[in-house]
Protein backbone atom coordinates (compact mmCIF):
# COMPACT_ATOMS: atom_id res chain seq x y z
CA UNK A 1 123.23 65.63 210.27
CA UNK A 2 124.77 68.82 209.09
CA UNK A 3 122.78 70.45 206.30
CA UNK A 4 119.63 68.56 207.08
CA UNK A 5 116.38 69.79 208.58
CA UNK A 6 114.24 67.86 211.00
CA UNK A 7 110.49 67.41 210.53
CA UNK A 8 109.85 69.61 213.53
CA UNK A 9 112.07 72.29 212.06
CA UNK A 10 110.22 72.09 208.77
CA UNK A 11 106.94 72.43 210.56
CA UNK A 12 108.27 75.42 212.46
CA UNK A 13 109.39 77.07 209.26
CA UNK A 14 105.94 76.52 207.79
CA UNK A 15 104.34 78.07 210.84
CA UNK A 16 106.53 81.13 210.38
CA UNK A 17 106.14 81.47 206.59
CA UNK A 18 102.35 81.10 206.20
CA UNK A 19 101.23 83.65 208.79
CA UNK A 20 103.39 86.24 207.06
CA UNK A 21 101.95 85.33 203.67
CA UNK A 22 98.40 85.57 205.01
CA UNK A 23 99.12 89.07 206.36
CA UNK A 24 100.43 90.18 202.96
CA UNK A 25 97.38 88.73 201.15
CA UNK A 26 94.98 90.36 203.62
CA UNK A 27 96.69 93.71 203.06
CA UNK A 28 96.37 93.38 199.30
CA UNK A 29 92.69 92.36 199.54
CA UNK A 30 91.94 95.18 201.99
CA UNK A 31 93.62 97.73 199.76
CA UNK A 32 91.68 96.40 196.76
CA UNK A 33 88.40 96.71 198.64
CA UNK A 34 89.21 100.25 199.70
CA UNK A 35 90.22 101.18 196.17
CA UNK A 36 87.01 99.66 194.77
CA UNK A 37 84.95 101.48 197.34
CA UNK A 38 86.63 104.78 196.49
CA UNK A 39 86.11 104.21 192.74
CA UNK A 40 82.43 103.49 193.34
CA UNK A 41 82.09 106.57 195.55
CA UNK A 42 83.58 108.90 192.95
CA UNK A 43 81.91 107.37 189.92
CA UNK A 44 79.38 110.23 189.40
CA UNK A 45 78.26 113.58 190.77
CA UNK A 46 75.47 112.20 192.94
CA UNK A 47 77.71 109.76 194.79
CA UNK A 48 80.49 112.36 195.04
CA UNK A 49 78.28 114.86 196.83
CA UNK A 50 76.49 112.19 198.86
CA UNK A 51 79.90 111.20 200.20
CA UNK A 52 80.81 114.83 200.98
CA UNK A 53 77.50 115.50 202.74
CA UNK A 54 77.86 112.36 204.88
CA UNK A 55 81.28 113.56 206.02
CA UNK A 56 80.32 117.25 206.30
CA UNK A 57 76.56 117.43 206.95
CA UNK A 58 76.70 121.20 207.52
CA UNK A 59 78.42 121.93 204.20
CA UNK A 60 75.77 124.04 202.42
CA UNK A 61 77.63 124.06 199.11
CA UNK A 62 77.83 120.25 199.14
CA UNK A 63 74.10 119.99 199.89
CA UNK A 64 73.29 122.37 197.01
CA UNK A 65 75.51 120.40 194.62
CA UNK A 66 74.03 117.06 195.71
CA UNK A 67 70.50 118.31 195.15
CA UNK A 68 71.40 119.77 191.76
CA UNK A 69 72.97 116.46 190.73
CA UNK A 70 69.89 114.53 191.85
CA UNK A 71 67.55 116.29 189.43
CA UNK A 72 70.01 117.17 186.66
CA UNK A 73 71.61 113.72 186.39
CA UNK A 74 68.93 111.39 187.72
CA UNK A 75 65.69 113.36 187.36
CA UNK A 76 64.84 112.94 191.06
CA UNK A 77 62.88 116.16 191.24
CA UNK A 78 60.86 115.44 194.36
CA UNK A 79 63.81 114.42 196.56
CA UNK A 80 65.85 117.37 195.22
CA UNK A 81 62.92 119.74 195.82
CA UNK A 82 62.54 118.53 199.39
CA UNK A 83 66.24 119.05 200.05
CA UNK A 84 66.27 122.49 198.37
CA UNK A 85 63.20 123.65 200.28
CA UNK A 86 64.93 122.79 203.54
CA UNK A 87 68.08 124.58 202.38
CA UNK A 88 66.05 127.60 201.31
CA UNK A 89 64.34 127.67 204.69
CA UNK A 90 67.46 127.09 206.82
CA UNK A 91 69.99 129.10 204.80
CA UNK A 92 69.43 132.31 202.85
CA UNK A 93 71.48 131.05 199.90
CA UNK A 94 70.74 132.30 196.39
CA UNK A 95 71.54 128.94 194.77
CA UNK A 96 69.07 127.13 197.03
CA UNK A 97 66.28 129.62 196.22
CA UNK A 98 66.87 129.52 192.48
CA UNK A 99 67.00 125.72 192.38
CA UNK A 100 63.66 125.52 194.18
CA UNK A 101 62.39 127.92 191.52
CA UNK A 102 63.86 125.82 188.71
CA UNK A 103 62.16 122.64 189.90
CA UNK A 104 58.81 124.41 190.29
CA UNK A 105 59.39 125.86 186.81
CA UNK A 106 59.93 122.36 185.39
CA UNK A 107 56.81 121.15 187.19
CA UNK A 108 54.80 124.00 185.63
CA UNK A 109 54.09 125.72 188.96
CA UNK A 110 55.10 129.11 187.64
CA UNK A 111 53.86 131.32 190.48
CA UNK A 112 55.96 129.36 192.98
CA UNK A 113 58.91 129.41 190.62
CA UNK A 114 58.74 133.20 190.30
CA UNK A 115 58.52 133.58 194.10
CA UNK A 116 61.74 131.65 194.67
CA UNK A 117 63.60 133.29 191.76
CA UNK A 118 62.78 136.70 193.24
CA UNK A 119 63.81 135.44 196.67
CA UNK A 120 67.17 134.47 195.22
CA UNK A 121 67.58 137.88 193.61
CA UNK A 122 67.10 139.53 197.00
CA UNK A 123 70.25 137.71 198.11
CA UNK A 124 72.15 138.41 194.88
CA UNK A 125 70.44 140.95 192.55
CA UNK A 126 73.00 140.36 189.78
CA UNK A 127 72.99 136.54 189.81
CA UNK A 128 73.11 135.60 186.08
CA UNK A 129 71.56 132.15 186.49
CA UNK A 130 68.57 133.49 188.42
CA UNK A 131 68.03 136.38 186.00
CA UNK A 132 68.25 133.97 183.06
CA UNK A 133 65.71 131.61 184.59
CA UNK A 134 63.40 134.45 185.55
CA UNK A 135 63.53 135.83 182.01
CA UNK A 136 62.65 132.39 180.65
CA UNK A 137 59.78 132.15 183.12
CA UNK A 138 58.36 135.49 181.97
CA UNK A 139 58.53 134.39 178.33
CA UNK A 140 56.83 131.09 179.21
CA UNK A 141 54.06 133.09 180.90
CA UNK A 142 53.63 135.27 177.81
CA UNK A 143 55.13 138.30 179.56
CA UNK A 144 57.49 138.88 176.65
CA UNK A 145 58.47 142.47 177.48
CA UNK A 146 59.44 141.52 181.04
CA UNK A 147 61.35 138.56 179.67
CA UNK A 148 63.30 140.77 177.27
CA UNK A 149 64.04 143.28 180.03
CA UNK A 150 65.32 140.51 182.30
CA UNK A 151 67.50 138.93 179.62
CA UNK A 152 69.03 142.35 178.93
CA UNK A 153 69.79 142.62 182.66
CA UNK A 154 71.69 139.33 182.47
CA UNK A 155 73.74 140.57 179.54
CA UNK A 156 74.69 143.71 181.46
CA UNK A 157 76.25 141.42 184.06
CA UNK A 158 77.85 139.11 181.48
CA UNK A 159 77.46 139.86 177.76
CA UNK A 160 79.15 136.58 176.77
CA UNK A 161 76.35 134.19 177.75
CA UNK A 162 75.35 132.63 174.44
CA UNK A 163 72.23 130.90 175.81
CA UNK A 164 70.89 134.26 176.94
CA UNK A 165 71.44 135.75 173.48
CA UNK A 166 69.59 132.80 171.95
CA UNK A 167 66.63 133.12 174.32
CA UNK A 168 66.56 136.88 173.86
CA UNK A 169 66.38 136.24 170.12
CA UNK A 170 63.41 133.93 170.65
CA UNK A 171 61.67 136.56 172.79
CA UNK A 172 62.21 139.17 170.06
CA UNK A 173 60.85 136.72 167.48
CA UNK A 174 57.70 136.19 169.58
CA UNK A 175 57.24 139.98 169.51
CA UNK A 176 57.64 140.03 165.73
CA UNK A 177 60.97 141.90 166.04
CA UNK A 178 62.63 139.57 163.55
CA UNK A 179 65.66 141.72 162.70
CA UNK A 180 66.55 142.00 166.39
CA UNK A 181 66.04 138.26 166.79
CA UNK A 182 68.46 137.57 163.94
CA UNK A 183 71.12 139.78 165.56
CA UNK A 184 70.84 137.88 168.85
CA UNK A 185 70.96 134.45 167.22
CA UNK A 186 74.03 135.46 165.23
CA UNK A 187 75.70 136.70 168.41
CA UNK A 188 74.93 133.37 170.11
CA UNK A 189 76.63 131.59 167.18
CA UNK A 190 79.65 133.90 167.38
CA UNK A 191 80.04 133.09 171.07
CA UNK A 192 79.42 129.36 170.69
CA UNK A 193 79.78 128.11 167.09
CA UNK A 194 78.73 124.54 167.99
CA UNK A 195 75.42 125.49 169.59
CA UNK A 196 72.43 123.87 167.84
CA UNK A 197 69.58 126.20 168.80
CA UNK A 198 70.56 129.51 167.15
CA UNK A 199 71.34 127.79 163.83
CA UNK A 200 67.98 126.03 164.04
CA UNK A 201 66.13 129.21 165.02
CA UNK A 202 67.71 131.23 162.23
CA UNK A 203 66.83 128.51 159.75
CA UNK A 204 63.21 128.56 160.88
CA UNK A 205 63.06 132.35 160.61
CA UNK A 206 64.50 132.42 157.10
CA UNK A 207 62.15 129.64 155.97
CA UNK A 208 59.16 131.58 157.31
CA UNK A 209 60.45 134.74 155.58
CA UNK A 210 60.56 132.95 152.25
CA UNK A 211 64.36 132.82 152.04
CA UNK A 212 64.90 129.08 151.55
CA UNK A 213 68.57 129.32 150.56
CA UNK A 214 69.51 130.91 153.90
CA UNK A 215 67.14 128.52 155.68
CA UNK A 216 68.91 125.58 154.03
CA UNK A 217 72.33 126.84 155.07
CA UNK A 218 71.47 127.43 158.74
CA UNK A 219 69.39 124.27 159.12
CA UNK A 220 72.22 122.23 157.60
CA UNK A 221 74.59 123.69 160.20
CA UNK A 222 72.07 122.88 162.93
CA UNK A 223 71.96 119.25 161.82
CA UNK A 224 75.75 119.04 161.97
CA UNK A 225 75.46 120.08 165.62
CA UNK A 226 72.59 117.68 166.31
CA UNK A 227 72.05 115.03 163.61
CA UNK A 228 69.14 113.46 165.49
CA UNK A 229 66.92 116.57 165.38
CA UNK A 230 63.99 115.17 163.39
CA UNK A 231 62.05 118.43 163.17
CA UNK A 232 65.11 120.20 161.77
CA UNK A 233 65.38 117.59 159.02
CA UNK A 234 61.71 118.25 158.26
CA UNK A 235 62.19 122.02 157.91
CA UNK A 236 65.34 121.48 155.88
CA UNK A 237 63.19 119.37 153.55
CA UNK A 238 60.79 122.30 153.20
CA UNK A 239 63.69 124.58 152.27
CA UNK A 240 64.94 122.11 149.65
CA UNK A 241 61.38 121.78 148.33
CA UNK A 242 61.08 125.54 147.89
CA UNK A 243 64.46 125.56 146.13
CA UNK A 244 63.13 122.78 143.84
CA UNK A 245 65.90 120.46 145.03
CA UNK A 246 63.41 117.63 145.23
CA UNK A 247 65.80 114.71 145.65
CA UNK A 248 67.35 116.38 148.71
CA UNK A 249 63.89 117.27 150.03
CA UNK A 250 62.83 113.62 149.84
CA UNK A 251 65.98 112.52 151.65
CA UNK A 252 65.31 114.94 154.50
CA UNK A 253 61.66 113.92 154.84
CA UNK A 254 62.73 110.28 155.00
CA UNK A 255 65.36 111.07 157.60
CA UNK A 256 62.79 112.91 159.71
CA UNK A 257 60.57 109.81 159.49
CA UNK A 258 63.45 107.49 160.36
CA UNK A 259 64.21 109.53 163.46
CA UNK A 260 60.55 109.78 164.43
CA UNK A 261 58.28 107.18 162.78
CA UNK A 262 55.25 109.00 164.23
CA UNK A 263 56.09 112.34 162.59
CA UNK A 264 52.91 112.56 160.52
CA UNK A 265 53.81 115.92 158.95
CA UNK A 266 56.80 114.33 157.25
CA UNK A 267 54.64 111.56 155.74
CA UNK A 268 52.07 114.10 154.57
CA UNK A 269 54.57 116.48 153.00
CA UNK A 270 56.45 113.65 151.34
CA UNK A 271 53.09 112.61 149.89
CA UNK A 272 52.59 116.13 148.55
CA UNK A 273 56.04 116.02 146.97
CA UNK A 274 55.18 112.76 145.21
CA UNK A 275 51.84 114.25 144.12
CA UNK A 276 53.51 117.30 142.58
CA UNK A 277 55.71 114.97 140.53
CA UNK A 278 52.74 112.94 139.31
CA UNK A 279 53.67 109.92 141.43
CA UNK A 280 50.10 109.42 142.58
CA UNK A 281 50.40 105.89 143.95
CA UNK A 282 53.41 106.88 146.06
CA UNK A 283 51.53 109.97 147.23
CA UNK A 284 48.53 107.86 148.23
CA UNK A 285 50.82 105.52 150.18
CA UNK A 286 52.21 108.46 152.19
CA UNK A 287 48.74 109.85 152.89
CA UNK A 288 47.68 106.42 154.17
CA UNK A 289 50.76 106.32 156.42
CA UNK A 290 49.79 109.75 157.69
CA UNK A 291 46.45 108.28 158.75
CA UNK A 292 48.18 105.38 160.48
CA UNK A 293 49.81 107.94 162.79
CA UNK A 294 47.10 110.63 162.86
CA UNK A 295 43.69 109.21 161.90
CA UNK A 296 41.97 112.61 162.16
CA UNK A 297 44.31 114.35 159.71
CA UNK A 298 42.00 116.35 157.42
CA UNK A 299 44.94 117.40 155.24
CA UNK A 300 45.77 113.80 154.37
CA UNK A 301 42.11 113.18 153.49
CA UNK A 302 42.27 116.22 151.21
CA UNK A 303 45.44 114.83 149.66
CA UNK A 304 43.72 111.53 148.92
CA UNK A 305 40.87 113.48 147.32
CA UNK A 306 43.32 115.25 145.05
CA UNK A 307 44.82 111.94 143.94
CA UNK A 308 41.35 110.59 143.12
CA UNK A 309 40.49 113.83 141.30
CA UNK A 310 43.61 113.56 139.15
CA UNK A 311 42.73 109.95 138.37
CA UNK A 312 39.18 111.10 137.48
CA UNK A 313 37.72 108.89 140.20
CA UNK A 314 35.19 111.58 141.03
CA UNK A 315 32.95 109.72 143.47
CA UNK A 316 35.97 108.74 145.57
CA UNK A 317 37.34 112.27 145.34
CA UNK A 318 34.05 113.74 146.55
CA UNK A 319 33.90 111.26 149.42
CA UNK A 320 37.45 112.14 150.52
CA UNK A 321 36.86 115.89 150.35
CA UNK A 322 33.64 115.49 152.35
CA UNK A 323 35.53 113.56 155.04
CA UNK A 324 38.16 116.30 155.07
CA UNK A 325 35.64 119.05 155.85
CA UNK A 326 33.88 116.84 158.39
CA UNK A 327 37.17 116.49 160.23
CA UNK A 328 37.99 120.17 159.82
CA UNK A 329 34.87 122.30 159.17
CA UNK A 330 36.87 125.49 158.46
CA UNK A 331 39.10 123.83 155.86
CA UNK A 332 38.66 126.23 152.92
CA UNK A 333 41.03 124.39 150.58
CA UNK A 334 39.01 121.18 150.89
CA UNK A 335 35.78 123.06 150.11
CA UNK A 336 37.41 124.50 146.97
CA UNK A 337 38.58 121.03 145.91
CA UNK A 338 35.14 119.57 146.63
CA UNK A 339 33.70 122.30 144.42
CA UNK A 340 36.15 121.35 141.66
CA UNK A 341 35.10 117.70 141.93
CA UNK A 342 31.41 118.61 141.70
CA UNK A 343 32.15 120.86 138.70
CA UNK A 344 34.04 118.03 136.98
CA UNK A 345 31.02 115.81 137.68
CA UNK A 346 28.73 118.42 136.12
CA UNK A 347 26.79 119.23 139.32
CA UNK A 348 27.45 122.95 139.06
CA UNK A 349 25.00 124.13 141.71
CA UNK A 350 26.78 121.97 144.29
CA UNK A 351 30.11 123.34 143.06
CA UNK A 352 28.91 126.93 143.61
CA UNK A 353 27.84 126.09 147.16
CA UNK A 354 31.28 124.72 148.01
CA UNK A 355 33.15 127.74 146.61
CA UNK A 356 30.88 130.07 148.61
CA UNK A 357 31.51 127.98 151.72
CA UNK A 358 35.26 128.31 151.19
CA UNK A 359 34.96 132.12 151.18
CA UNK A 360 32.68 132.00 154.20
CA UNK A 361 35.18 130.08 156.34
CA UNK A 362 38.21 131.92 154.95
CA UNK A 363 37.64 135.22 153.10
CA UNK A 364 41.30 135.19 152.15
CA UNK A 365 40.91 132.26 149.74
CA UNK A 366 40.70 134.56 146.73
CA UNK A 367 41.00 131.71 144.21
CA UNK A 368 37.43 130.75 145.13
CA UNK A 369 36.21 133.90 143.33
CA UNK A 370 38.00 132.75 140.17
CA UNK A 371 36.32 129.34 140.44
CA UNK A 372 32.95 130.98 141.09
CA UNK A 373 33.43 133.10 137.96
CA UNK A 374 34.21 130.01 135.88
CA UNK A 375 31.22 128.11 137.26
CA UNK A 376 28.75 130.99 136.76
CA UNK A 377 30.12 131.36 133.26
CA UNK A 378 29.46 127.65 132.59
CA UNK A 379 25.91 128.18 133.83
CA UNK A 380 25.46 131.17 131.48
CA UNK A 381 25.04 133.57 134.41
CA UNK A 382 27.05 136.42 132.93
CA UNK A 383 26.49 139.04 135.64
CA UNK A 384 27.56 136.83 138.54
CA UNK A 385 30.54 135.58 136.53
CA UNK A 386 31.73 139.15 135.83
CA UNK A 387 31.33 140.17 139.51
CA UNK A 388 33.42 137.29 140.74
CA UNK A 389 36.12 137.74 138.10
CA UNK A 390 36.42 141.42 139.16
CA UNK A 391 36.75 140.48 142.82
CA UNK A 392 39.44 138.02 141.89
CA UNK A 393 41.40 140.48 139.73
CA UNK A 394 41.23 143.21 142.39
CA UNK A 395 42.49 141.06 145.24
CA UNK A 396 44.62 138.23 143.81
CA UNK A 397 48.34 138.51 144.69
CA UNK A 398 49.53 135.18 143.32
CA UNK A 399 50.43 133.89 139.86
CA UNK A 400 49.64 136.71 137.41
CA UNK A 401 48.65 134.26 134.68
CA UNK A 402 45.35 133.64 136.47
CA UNK A 403 44.53 137.35 136.28
CA UNK A 404 45.15 137.12 132.53
CA UNK A 405 42.75 134.19 132.31
CA UNK A 406 40.10 136.07 134.28
CA UNK A 407 40.39 139.12 132.02
CA UNK A 408 40.20 136.95 128.92
CA UNK A 409 37.05 135.29 130.26
CA UNK A 410 35.51 138.71 130.94
CA UNK A 411 36.26 139.83 127.40
CA UNK A 412 34.49 136.77 126.04
CA UNK A 413 31.47 137.49 128.21
CA UNK A 414 31.07 141.04 126.86
């Protein structure tokens, strides 16, 4: 019948349609698999260069890049070292030599590292990366002058390398050339304003120099670059403390602790801050937390002793100060505090012994002479009191009011 289709014709049509459809589907699936495979291959540096090396096994640059990716991205130092050693042996390529040196440097095998850095420099004497790494190696070995000389060689090749300026600054700082260090750190910041290390290093320098306002400013900038830097929060707290911005200091100590719950120095210094404000229970809590992280912390034991002394719990104070000097036998401050506790208890001979011990372990603890003068005076030993007051007056560089007290005591003894 016209317009109709027989069953056999229908079946024939089906046999023609479905094979074509299957071919189309297979093509789509195959293309999808290939696309997925390519995406997986190019997903990171290691797989990129693995793919290149498989296709071009004699491509030295690809082998160098693969090995670099292995230890930089995945920390596979041993496999990268094995590959680099073969490259260094088979091909006199500066990058291969320096990467062998870098891995040995990371592993702490500094003699081997230096050998391969120098081998790389024979191929390319002006290679900035090798010179930079060699300079860092010399500084790590304590060869500061050679490190400085090498960093300066890098900057002759390229004066715009901000990491080199930063490391040169650190080398100058290790030599005590602080003004030169500051210049290099500032140049590193000029070249790379978002670089954490020079802000942090400048902040540390200014804090050590007793310039807390500048320390605060640079450390704050460092934290903007790297908010998770716990130690930087700690030193920023010290700067705020010295500026008497105590609320901000507490916040920074707490942030340092949040970032590193085992940062015992932050607990201890926060305890000191509470102590200075008369918050003795809070101070004691922080000293106890210090012990939970560092059980042998003599400073925290001394802090506990001070809390007990302020509370007039003299036996406990004496016990804490004794534990402090047991943990740290050259701890002059704890001997002075132990002397003060004995004096408050009325055992003046024991107090004298502790003040003398403080001077013995640290002749620079001049306040011990003042305490000796007071104790000899309480014992009625005028001559010894006068001698110690004179020593104190002649050498004390701190709060001038104590010199006034010593002179007044001497007048009363005349």
